N, C-alpha and C. Protein backbone atom coordinates (compact mmCIF):
# COMPACT_ATOMS: atom_id res chain seq x y z
N UNK A 1 0.85 -1.18 0.00
CA UNK A 1 0.00 0.00 0.00
C UNK A 1 0.90 1.24 0.00
N UNK A 2 0.65 2.13 -0.91
CA UNK A 2 1.47 3.34 -0.96
C UNK A 2 1.01 4.37 0.08
N UNK A 3 1.77 5.44 0.19
CA UNK A 3 1.52 6.45 1.23
C UNK A 3 0.12 7.05 1.11
N UNK A 4 -0.31 7.37 -0.09
CA UNK A 4 -1.64 7.97 -0.30
C UNK A 4 -2.75 7.01 0.13
N UNK A 5 -2.59 5.74 -0.18
CA UNK A 5 -3.57 4.74 0.22
C UNK A 5 -3.62 4.59 1.74
N UNK A 6 -2.45 4.59 2.38
CA UNK A 6 -2.40 4.50 3.85
C UNK A 6 -3.09 5.69 4.49
N UNK A 7 -2.85 6.88 3.94
CA UNK A 7 -3.48 8.09 4.49
C UNK A 7 -5.00 8.03 4.35
N UNK A 8 -5.48 7.55 3.21
CA UNK A 8 -6.93 7.42 3.00
C UNK A 8 -7.52 6.42 3.98
N UNK A 9 -6.85 5.30 4.12
CA UNK A 9 -7.32 4.25 5.05
C UNK A 9 -7.36 4.78 6.48
N UNK A 10 -6.31 5.49 6.90
CA UNK A 10 -6.27 6.07 8.24
C UNK A 10 -7.38 7.10 8.43
N UNK A 11 -7.65 7.90 7.41
CA UNK A 11 -8.72 8.90 7.50
C UNK A 11 -10.08 8.21 7.65
N UNK A 12 -10.28 7.11 6.96
CA UNK A 12 -11.53 6.36 7.09
C UNK A 12 -11.66 5.79 8.49
N UNK A 13 -10.58 5.21 9.02
CA UNK A 13 -10.62 4.68 10.39
C UNK A 13 -10.90 5.78 11.41
N UNK A 14 -10.24 6.93 11.25
CA UNK A 14 -10.45 8.05 12.19
C UNK A 14 -11.91 8.51 12.15
N UNK A 15 -12.44 8.65 10.95
CA UNK A 15 -13.84 9.07 10.81
C UNK A 15 -14.78 8.05 11.44
N UNK A 16 -14.52 6.80 11.18
CA UNK A 16 -15.34 5.71 11.72
C UNK A 16 -15.33 5.72 13.24
N UNK A 17 -14.15 5.83 13.85
CA UNK A 17 -14.08 5.83 15.31
C UNK A 17 -14.74 7.07 15.90
N UNK A 18 -14.60 8.19 15.23
CA UNK A 18 -15.25 9.41 15.69
C UNK A 18 -16.77 9.26 15.66
N UNK A 19 -17.29 8.70 14.59
CA UNK A 19 -18.73 8.49 14.47
C UNK A 19 -19.24 7.49 15.50
N UNK A 20 -18.44 6.45 15.79
CA UNK A 20 -18.84 5.45 16.77
C UNK A 20 -18.97 6.03 18.18
N UNK A 21 -18.30 7.14 18.42
CA UNK A 21 -18.40 7.78 19.73
C UNK A 21 -19.71 8.55 19.89
N UNK A 22 -20.40 8.79 18.76
CA UNK A 22 -21.63 9.57 18.80
C UNK A 22 -22.87 8.77 18.40
N UNK A 23 -22.68 7.72 17.61
CA UNK A 23 -23.79 6.97 17.03
C UNK A 23 -23.59 5.47 17.23
N UNK A 24 -24.68 4.74 17.15
CA UNK A 24 -24.54 3.29 17.13
C UNK A 24 -24.08 2.87 15.74
N UNK A 25 -23.42 1.74 15.68
CA UNK A 25 -22.90 1.23 14.42
C UNK A 25 -24.00 1.15 13.36
N UNK A 26 -25.18 0.69 13.75
CA UNK A 26 -26.29 0.51 12.80
C UNK A 26 -26.73 1.83 12.16
N UNK A 27 -26.58 2.92 12.88
CA UNK A 27 -27.04 4.21 12.36
C UNK A 27 -26.00 4.94 11.51
N UNK A 28 -24.77 4.49 11.56
CA UNK A 28 -23.71 5.12 10.77
C UNK A 28 -23.81 4.66 9.32
N UNK A 29 -23.74 5.61 8.41
CA UNK A 29 -23.79 5.27 6.99
C UNK A 29 -22.41 5.43 6.36
N UNK A 30 -22.22 4.77 5.25
CA UNK A 30 -20.97 4.93 4.50
C UNK A 30 -20.82 6.38 4.08
N UNK A 31 -21.92 7.03 3.73
CA UNK A 31 -21.86 8.44 3.34
C UNK A 31 -21.31 9.31 4.47
N UNK A 32 -21.75 9.07 5.70
CA UNK A 32 -21.22 9.83 6.84
C UNK A 32 -19.72 9.61 6.99
N UNK A 33 -19.29 8.37 6.82
CA UNK A 33 -17.87 8.05 6.96
C UNK A 33 -17.05 8.76 5.90
N UNK A 34 -17.49 8.68 4.64
CA UNK A 34 -16.69 9.31 3.58
C UNK A 34 -16.72 10.83 3.67
N UNK A 35 -17.86 11.40 4.12
CA UNK A 35 -17.91 12.85 4.31
C UNK A 35 -16.93 13.29 5.38
N UNK A 36 -16.93 12.61 6.51
CA UNK A 36 -16.04 13.00 7.62
C UNK A 36 -14.58 12.72 7.28
N UNK A 37 -14.33 11.63 6.56
CA UNK A 37 -12.95 11.28 6.18
C UNK A 37 -12.44 12.12 5.02
N UNK A 38 -13.37 12.79 4.33
CA UNK A 38 -13.05 13.60 3.16
C UNK A 38 -12.38 12.75 2.08
N UNK A 39 -13.01 11.60 1.81
CA UNK A 39 -12.56 10.73 0.72
C UNK A 39 -13.76 10.44 -0.17
N UNK A 40 -13.50 9.98 -1.36
CA UNK A 40 -14.58 9.64 -2.28
C UNK A 40 -15.15 8.26 -2.00
N UNK A 41 -16.33 8.03 -2.52
CA UNK A 41 -17.00 6.74 -2.36
C UNK A 41 -16.14 5.62 -2.96
N UNK A 42 -15.55 5.87 -4.11
CA UNK A 42 -14.69 4.87 -4.76
C UNK A 42 -13.51 4.53 -3.87
N UNK A 43 -12.94 5.54 -3.23
CA UNK A 43 -11.81 5.31 -2.33
C UNK A 43 -12.24 4.41 -1.18
N UNK A 44 -13.40 4.70 -0.59
CA UNK A 44 -13.89 3.86 0.51
C UNK A 44 -14.01 2.42 0.04
N UNK A 45 -14.69 2.22 -1.10
CA UNK A 45 -14.93 0.85 -1.57
C UNK A 45 -13.68 0.17 -2.13
N UNK A 46 -12.65 0.93 -2.41
CA UNK A 46 -11.36 0.33 -2.78
C UNK A 46 -10.75 -0.35 -1.56
N UNK A 47 -10.96 0.26 -0.39
CA UNK A 47 -10.39 -0.29 0.85
C UNK A 47 -11.31 -1.30 1.53
N UNK A 48 -12.63 -1.06 1.47
CA UNK A 48 -13.58 -1.89 2.20
C UNK A 48 -14.79 -2.19 1.33
N UNK A 49 -15.11 -3.45 1.22
CA UNK A 49 -16.26 -3.87 0.40
C UNK A 49 -17.58 -3.37 0.97
N UNK A 50 -17.67 -3.36 2.30
CA UNK A 50 -18.89 -2.96 2.99
C UNK A 50 -18.52 -2.28 4.30
N UNK A 51 -19.53 -1.74 4.96
CA UNK A 51 -19.33 -1.17 6.29
C UNK A 51 -18.93 -2.27 7.27
N UNK A 52 -19.50 -3.47 7.13
CA UNK A 52 -19.10 -4.61 7.98
C UNK A 52 -17.64 -4.97 7.77
N UNK A 53 -17.16 -4.87 6.53
CA UNK A 53 -15.75 -5.15 6.25
C UNK A 53 -14.86 -4.12 6.95
N UNK A 54 -15.32 -2.87 6.99
CA UNK A 54 -14.59 -1.83 7.74
C UNK A 54 -14.53 -2.20 9.21
N UNK A 55 -15.65 -2.61 9.79
CA UNK A 55 -15.67 -2.99 11.21
C UNK A 55 -14.77 -4.19 11.46
N UNK A 56 -14.79 -5.18 10.58
CA UNK A 56 -13.91 -6.35 10.75
C UNK A 56 -12.45 -5.93 10.70
N UNK A 57 -12.12 -5.05 9.79
CA UNK A 57 -10.76 -4.56 9.68
C UNK A 57 -10.36 -3.76 10.92
N UNK A 58 -11.30 -2.96 11.42
CA UNK A 58 -11.09 -2.19 12.65
C UNK A 58 -10.81 -3.14 13.81
N UNK A 59 -11.61 -4.20 13.92
CA UNK A 59 -11.40 -5.20 14.98
C UNK A 59 -10.04 -5.87 14.83
N UNK A 60 -9.69 -6.23 13.61
CA UNK A 60 -8.40 -6.88 13.36
C UNK A 60 -7.25 -5.99 13.81
N UNK A 61 -7.35 -4.69 13.52
CA UNK A 61 -6.29 -3.77 13.93
C UNK A 61 -6.21 -3.65 15.44
N UNK A 62 -7.37 -3.55 16.09
CA UNK A 62 -7.39 -3.46 17.56
C UNK A 62 -6.78 -4.73 18.15
N UNK A 63 -7.23 -5.88 17.66
CA UNK A 63 -6.87 -7.15 18.29
C UNK A 63 -5.52 -7.70 17.88
N UNK A 64 -4.93 -7.16 16.82
CA UNK A 64 -3.64 -7.67 16.37
C UNK A 64 -2.61 -7.60 17.50
N UNK A 65 -2.50 -6.46 18.12
CA UNK A 65 -1.56 -6.32 19.23
C UNK A 65 -2.13 -6.87 20.53
N UNK A 66 -3.40 -6.65 20.74
CA UNK A 66 -4.05 -7.04 22.00
C UNK A 66 -3.85 -8.52 22.28
N UNK A 67 -3.95 -9.35 21.25
CA UNK A 67 -3.83 -10.79 21.44
C UNK A 67 -2.44 -11.32 21.11
N UNK A 68 -1.47 -10.44 21.04
CA UNK A 68 -0.10 -10.85 20.79
C UNK A 68 0.38 -11.77 21.91
N UNK A 69 1.14 -12.78 21.55
CA UNK A 69 1.67 -13.71 22.55
C UNK A 69 2.72 -13.03 23.43
N UNK A 70 3.37 -12.00 22.91
CA UNK A 70 4.40 -11.30 23.65
C UNK A 70 3.81 -10.07 24.33
N UNK A 71 3.90 -10.04 25.64
CA UNK A 71 3.43 -8.88 26.40
C UNK A 71 4.63 -7.99 26.66
N UNK A 72 4.60 -6.80 26.08
CA UNK A 72 5.70 -5.86 26.22
C UNK A 72 5.31 -4.74 27.17
N UNK A 73 6.33 -4.06 27.67
CA UNK A 73 6.09 -2.88 28.50
C UNK A 73 5.50 -1.79 27.62
N UNK A 74 4.44 -1.16 28.13
CA UNK A 74 3.79 -0.09 27.38
C UNK A 74 3.58 1.10 28.30
N UNK A 75 3.13 2.21 27.73
CA UNK A 75 2.94 3.43 28.52
C UNK A 75 2.00 3.23 29.70
N UNK A 76 0.90 2.53 29.49
CA UNK A 76 -0.13 2.42 30.53
C UNK A 76 0.00 1.18 31.39
N UNK A 77 0.81 0.21 30.98
CA UNK A 77 0.92 -1.03 31.74
C UNK A 77 2.18 -1.80 31.35
N UNK A 78 2.58 -2.70 32.25
CA UNK A 78 3.76 -3.53 31.98
C UNK A 78 3.51 -4.95 32.48
N UNK A 79 3.25 -5.84 31.54
CA UNK A 79 3.07 -7.25 31.86
C UNK A 79 4.19 -8.08 31.20
N UNK A 80 5.30 -7.41 30.88
CA UNK A 80 6.37 -8.07 30.13
C UNK A 80 6.97 -9.27 30.85
N UNK A 81 6.95 -9.27 32.17
CA UNK A 81 7.53 -10.39 32.92
C UNK A 81 6.50 -11.44 33.30
N UNK A 82 5.26 -11.24 32.88
CA UNK A 82 4.19 -12.15 33.29
C UNK A 82 3.68 -12.92 32.07
N UNK A 83 3.33 -14.17 32.30
CA UNK A 83 2.89 -15.01 31.18
C UNK A 83 1.63 -15.79 31.51
N UNK A 84 0.92 -15.38 32.54
CA UNK A 84 -0.29 -16.11 32.91
C UNK A 84 -1.52 -15.50 32.26
N UNK A 85 -2.63 -16.19 32.38
CA UNK A 85 -3.88 -15.76 31.76
C UNK A 85 -4.36 -14.44 32.34
N UNK A 86 -4.18 -14.23 33.63
CA UNK A 86 -4.63 -12.97 34.24
C UNK A 86 -3.91 -11.78 33.63
N UNK A 87 -2.62 -11.89 33.41
CA UNK A 87 -1.86 -10.80 32.79
C UNK A 87 -2.38 -10.55 31.36
N UNK A 88 -2.64 -11.61 30.63
CA UNK A 88 -3.13 -11.45 29.25
C UNK A 88 -4.52 -10.81 29.23
N UNK A 89 -5.39 -11.24 30.15
CA UNK A 89 -6.75 -10.67 30.23
C UNK A 89 -6.67 -9.18 30.57
N UNK A 90 -5.86 -8.83 31.55
CA UNK A 90 -5.74 -7.43 31.95
C UNK A 90 -5.12 -6.60 30.82
N UNK A 91 -4.16 -7.17 30.11
CA UNK A 91 -3.56 -6.52 28.95
C UNK A 91 -4.63 -6.21 27.90
N UNK A 92 -5.49 -7.17 27.62
CA UNK A 92 -6.59 -6.97 26.67
C UNK A 92 -7.47 -5.82 27.13
N UNK A 93 -7.79 -5.80 28.41
CA UNK A 93 -8.67 -4.75 28.94
C UNK A 93 -8.04 -3.37 28.83
N UNK A 94 -6.74 -3.26 29.03
CA UNK A 94 -6.08 -1.96 28.86
C UNK A 94 -6.25 -1.45 27.43
N UNK A 95 -6.11 -2.34 26.47
CA UNK A 95 -6.24 -1.91 25.07
C UNK A 95 -7.68 -1.63 24.69
N UNK A 96 -8.60 -2.37 25.25
CA UNK A 96 -10.01 -2.06 24.99
C UNK A 96 -10.38 -0.72 25.63
N UNK A 97 -9.76 -0.42 26.76
CA UNK A 97 -10.02 0.86 27.42
C UNK A 97 -9.67 2.03 26.51
N UNK A 98 -8.63 1.87 25.69
CA UNK A 98 -8.24 2.91 24.74
C UNK A 98 -9.36 3.19 23.74
N UNK A 99 -10.20 2.21 23.52
CA UNK A 99 -11.31 2.33 22.56
C UNK A 99 -12.66 2.37 23.25
N UNK A 100 -12.65 2.65 24.56
CA UNK A 100 -13.89 2.60 25.36
C UNK A 100 -14.97 3.53 24.81
N UNK A 101 -14.59 4.67 24.29
CA UNK A 101 -15.59 5.61 23.76
C UNK A 101 -16.32 5.02 22.56
N UNK A 102 -15.69 4.09 21.84
CA UNK A 102 -16.31 3.47 20.66
C UNK A 102 -17.15 2.25 21.02
N UNK A 103 -16.87 1.62 22.15
CA UNK A 103 -17.53 0.36 22.47
C UNK A 103 -19.05 0.42 22.48
N UNK A 104 -19.67 1.41 23.11
CA UNK A 104 -21.14 1.42 23.07
C UNK A 104 -21.68 1.48 21.65
N UNK A 105 -21.04 2.22 20.76
CA UNK A 105 -21.48 2.29 19.38
C UNK A 105 -21.31 0.97 18.65
N UNK A 106 -20.22 0.28 18.93
CA UNK A 106 -19.97 -1.01 18.29
C UNK A 106 -20.89 -2.09 18.85
N UNK A 107 -21.09 -2.07 20.16
CA UNK A 107 -21.84 -3.14 20.81
C UNK A 107 -23.35 -2.96 20.74
N UNK A 108 -23.79 -2.17 19.81
CA UNK A 108 -25.23 -2.00 19.61
C UNK A 108 -25.57 -2.48 18.21
N UNK A 109 -26.67 -3.12 18.07
CA UNK A 109 -27.16 -3.54 16.75
C UNK A 109 -26.24 -4.50 16.04
N UNK A 110 -26.11 -4.30 14.73
CA UNK A 110 -25.34 -5.19 13.87
C UNK A 110 -23.86 -5.26 14.24
N UNK A 111 -23.32 -4.18 14.71
CA UNK A 111 -21.90 -4.15 15.07
C UNK A 111 -21.56 -5.12 16.16
N UNK A 112 -22.51 -5.37 17.05
CA UNK A 112 -22.29 -6.28 18.16
C UNK A 112 -21.92 -7.67 17.67
N UNK A 113 -22.66 -8.20 16.71
CA UNK A 113 -22.38 -9.57 16.25
C UNK A 113 -21.04 -9.65 15.53
N UNK A 114 -20.70 -8.62 14.78
CA UNK A 114 -19.41 -8.62 14.07
C UNK A 114 -18.27 -8.54 15.08
N UNK A 115 -18.32 -7.56 15.99
CA UNK A 115 -17.28 -7.38 16.99
C UNK A 115 -17.16 -8.61 17.89
N UNK A 116 -18.29 -9.04 18.45
CA UNK A 116 -18.26 -10.15 19.40
C UNK A 116 -17.85 -11.45 18.72
N UNK A 117 -18.25 -11.66 17.48
CA UNK A 117 -17.82 -12.86 16.76
C UNK A 117 -16.31 -12.91 16.62
N UNK A 118 -15.74 -11.80 16.22
CA UNK A 118 -14.29 -11.71 16.06
C UNK A 118 -13.61 -11.82 17.43
N UNK A 119 -14.12 -11.11 18.39
CA UNK A 119 -13.54 -11.09 19.74
C UNK A 119 -13.58 -12.49 20.36
N UNK A 120 -14.72 -13.16 20.28
CA UNK A 120 -14.85 -14.49 20.88
C UNK A 120 -13.94 -15.51 20.21
N UNK A 121 -13.76 -15.39 18.91
CA UNK A 121 -12.85 -16.31 18.23
C UNK A 121 -11.42 -16.15 18.76
N UNK A 122 -11.00 -14.91 18.93
CA UNK A 122 -9.65 -14.66 19.46
C UNK A 122 -9.54 -15.08 20.93
N UNK A 123 -10.61 -14.85 21.71
CA UNK A 123 -10.62 -15.28 23.10
C UNK A 123 -10.53 -16.80 23.18
N UNK A 124 -11.23 -17.49 22.30
CA UNK A 124 -11.19 -18.95 22.28
C UNK A 124 -9.77 -19.46 22.08
N UNK A 125 -9.04 -18.82 21.18
CA UNK A 125 -7.64 -19.20 20.96
C UNK A 125 -6.82 -18.97 22.23
N UNK A 126 -7.03 -17.82 22.86
CA UNK A 126 -6.26 -17.49 24.06
C UNK A 126 -6.60 -18.42 25.22
N UNK A 127 -7.89 -18.59 25.51
CA UNK A 127 -8.29 -19.41 26.66
C UNK A 127 -8.05 -20.90 26.43
N UNK A 128 -7.95 -21.34 25.19
CA UNK A 128 -7.77 -22.77 24.92
C UNK A 128 -6.49 -23.30 25.56
N UNK A 129 -5.51 -22.42 25.74
CA UNK A 129 -4.25 -22.83 26.33
C UNK A 129 -4.37 -23.09 27.84
N UNK A 130 -5.33 -22.44 28.49
CA UNK A 130 -5.41 -22.53 29.95
C UNK A 130 -6.61 -23.33 30.46
N UNK A 131 -7.47 -23.76 29.56
CA UNK A 131 -8.68 -24.47 29.98
C UNK A 131 -8.38 -25.95 30.20
N UNK A 132 -8.86 -26.45 31.30
CA UNK A 132 -8.79 -27.87 31.60
C UNK A 132 -10.22 -28.33 31.85
N UNK A 133 -10.47 -29.60 31.61
CA UNK A 133 -11.80 -30.11 31.92
C UNK A 133 -12.04 -29.91 33.40
N UNK A 134 -13.26 -29.59 33.74
CA UNK A 134 -13.60 -29.25 35.11
C UNK A 134 -14.62 -30.25 35.62
N UNK A 135 -14.15 -31.20 36.41
CA UNK A 135 -15.08 -32.20 36.93
C UNK A 135 -15.73 -32.96 35.80
N UNK A 136 -17.04 -32.86 35.71
CA UNK A 136 -17.79 -33.58 34.68
C UNK A 136 -17.98 -32.74 33.41
N UNK A 137 -17.65 -31.47 33.47
CA UNK A 137 -17.86 -30.59 32.30
C UNK A 137 -16.77 -30.84 31.26
N UNK A 138 -17.15 -31.09 30.01
CA UNK A 138 -16.14 -31.31 28.96
C UNK A 138 -15.39 -30.03 28.60
N UNK A 139 -14.23 -30.21 28.02
CA UNK A 139 -13.34 -29.12 27.64
C UNK A 139 -14.07 -28.04 26.84
N UNK A 140 -14.80 -28.42 25.78
CA UNK A 140 -15.43 -27.41 24.93
C UNK A 140 -16.52 -26.64 25.67
N UNK A 141 -17.16 -27.24 26.64
CA UNK A 141 -18.15 -26.53 27.46
C UNK A 141 -17.45 -25.48 28.33
N UNK A 142 -16.36 -25.89 28.97
CA UNK A 142 -15.61 -24.97 29.85
C UNK A 142 -15.04 -23.82 29.03
N UNK A 143 -14.48 -24.12 27.86
CA UNK A 143 -13.93 -23.07 26.99
C UNK A 143 -15.02 -22.10 26.58
N UNK A 144 -16.14 -22.60 26.13
CA UNK A 144 -17.27 -21.75 25.72
C UNK A 144 -17.73 -20.87 26.88
N UNK A 145 -17.80 -21.44 28.06
CA UNK A 145 -18.23 -20.68 29.24
C UNK A 145 -17.27 -19.53 29.55
N UNK A 146 -15.98 -19.80 29.51
CA UNK A 146 -14.99 -18.76 29.82
C UNK A 146 -15.00 -17.66 28.77
N UNK A 147 -15.05 -18.04 27.51
CA UNK A 147 -15.07 -17.06 26.42
C UNK A 147 -16.28 -16.15 26.56
N UNK A 148 -17.44 -16.74 26.75
CA UNK A 148 -18.67 -15.94 26.86
C UNK A 148 -18.72 -15.11 28.13
N UNK A 149 -18.20 -15.65 29.22
CA UNK A 149 -18.17 -14.88 30.47
C UNK A 149 -17.30 -13.63 30.31
N UNK A 150 -16.14 -13.77 29.67
CA UNK A 150 -15.27 -12.62 29.49
C UNK A 150 -15.86 -11.63 28.49
N UNK A 151 -16.42 -12.13 27.41
CA UNK A 151 -17.04 -11.25 26.41
C UNK A 151 -18.17 -10.45 27.04
N UNK A 152 -18.97 -11.08 27.87
CA UNK A 152 -20.06 -10.37 28.54
C UNK A 152 -19.53 -9.41 29.60
N UNK A 153 -18.40 -9.73 30.21
CA UNK A 153 -17.78 -8.79 31.15
C UNK A 153 -17.37 -7.51 30.42
N UNK A 154 -16.83 -7.66 29.21
CA UNK A 154 -16.44 -6.50 28.41
C UNK A 154 -17.68 -5.71 28.00
N UNK A 155 -18.74 -6.40 27.60
CA UNK A 155 -19.99 -5.72 27.24
C UNK A 155 -20.51 -4.92 28.45
N UNK A 156 -20.49 -5.52 29.62
CA UNK A 156 -20.94 -4.85 30.85
C UNK A 156 -20.05 -3.63 31.12
N UNK A 157 -18.75 -3.79 30.96
CA UNK A 157 -17.81 -2.70 31.20
C UNK A 157 -18.09 -1.53 30.26
N UNK A 158 -18.51 -1.81 29.04
CA UNK A 158 -18.86 -0.75 28.09
C UNK A 158 -19.99 0.13 28.61
N UNK A 159 -20.87 -0.46 29.43
CA UNK A 159 -21.98 0.31 30.02
C UNK A 159 -21.60 0.92 31.38
N UNK A 160 -20.48 0.46 31.95
CA UNK A 160 -20.02 0.93 33.26
C UNK A 160 -18.52 1.25 33.18
N UNK A 161 -18.15 2.26 32.42
CA UNK A 161 -16.72 2.50 32.11
C UNK A 161 -15.89 3.10 33.25
N UNK A 162 -16.49 3.29 34.41
CA UNK A 162 -15.74 3.91 35.51
C UNK A 162 -14.77 2.93 36.19
N UNK A 163 -14.85 1.67 35.86
CA UNK A 163 -13.96 0.68 36.46
C UNK A 163 -12.65 0.59 35.68
N UNK A 164 -11.58 0.25 36.38
CA UNK A 164 -10.27 0.12 35.75
C UNK A 164 -10.12 -1.28 35.14
N UNK A 165 -9.15 -1.44 34.25
CA UNK A 165 -8.89 -2.78 33.72
C UNK A 165 -8.59 -3.80 34.82
N UNK A 166 -7.84 -3.40 35.85
CA UNK A 166 -7.53 -4.32 36.94
C UNK A 166 -8.79 -4.74 37.69
N UNK A 167 -9.72 -3.79 37.89
CA UNK A 167 -10.97 -4.13 38.58
C UNK A 167 -11.81 -5.11 37.76
N UNK A 168 -11.93 -4.86 36.47
CA UNK A 168 -12.72 -5.75 35.61
C UNK A 168 -12.06 -7.13 35.57
N UNK A 169 -10.76 -7.17 35.45
CA UNK A 169 -10.03 -8.44 35.48
C UNK A 169 -10.29 -9.17 36.79
N UNK A 170 -10.23 -8.43 37.88
CA UNK A 170 -10.49 -9.02 39.19
C UNK A 170 -11.90 -9.58 39.30
N UNK A 171 -12.88 -8.84 38.79
CA UNK A 171 -14.27 -9.32 38.80
C UNK A 171 -14.38 -10.63 38.02
N UNK A 172 -13.74 -10.66 36.85
CA UNK A 172 -13.80 -11.86 36.01
C UNK A 172 -13.21 -13.06 36.73
N UNK A 173 -12.02 -12.91 37.27
CA UNK A 173 -11.36 -14.04 37.91
C UNK A 173 -12.03 -14.45 39.20
N UNK A 174 -12.68 -13.50 39.85
CA UNK A 174 -13.42 -13.83 41.08
C UNK A 174 -14.67 -14.64 40.77
N UNK A 175 -15.31 -14.36 39.64
CA UNK A 175 -16.59 -15.00 39.35
C UNK A 175 -16.50 -16.19 38.40
N UNK A 176 -15.35 -16.41 37.78
CA UNK A 176 -15.15 -17.56 36.90
C UNK A 176 -14.01 -18.40 37.49
N UNK A 177 -14.36 -19.33 38.34
CA UNK A 177 -13.34 -20.11 39.03
C UNK A 177 -12.56 -21.02 38.08
N UNK A 178 -11.35 -21.29 38.46
CA UNK A 178 -10.53 -22.24 37.71
C UNK A 178 -9.74 -21.66 36.56
N UNK A 179 -9.86 -20.37 36.29
CA UNK A 179 -9.07 -19.77 35.20
C UNK A 179 -7.65 -19.60 35.72
N UNK A 180 -6.71 -20.06 34.93
CA UNK A 180 -5.30 -19.97 35.35
C UNK A 180 -4.60 -18.90 34.54
């Protein structure tokens, strides 16, 4: 991608995130995005086939680093010496906090299924490493339970943003026993 294409793509992402802070995903139109980004319709569709494709790409960019196997020291947190599930969960929450203003817009209507589908798939990969069968419950049941419990914790946090990533992580680990 050349410099001009990168700039157009970044402008579309900026416009999209700005609109998500004011509107639900379902109410945002491609026209609003291209007007705010100051790009043409053809430019938008060169980068994204649909508005859902834009959201999927947005999720991919957010989650690319968030779900990285390597936890590095960052401005807001440092889990570089930790390799357990709690550190990874809290790391995810710190990065979601950066996008907290967009979450209510994404987690409403059609955007919810796109975001949560992508998010749960990545959570499944992450939790699969730490899930063990629990008593009589089979592995896939336990994995599904943990993924959905954390996804719903994030949804709840979107409606109650006054809590810190550490507090949300603590709530999750307190209420979902057996997570390592």
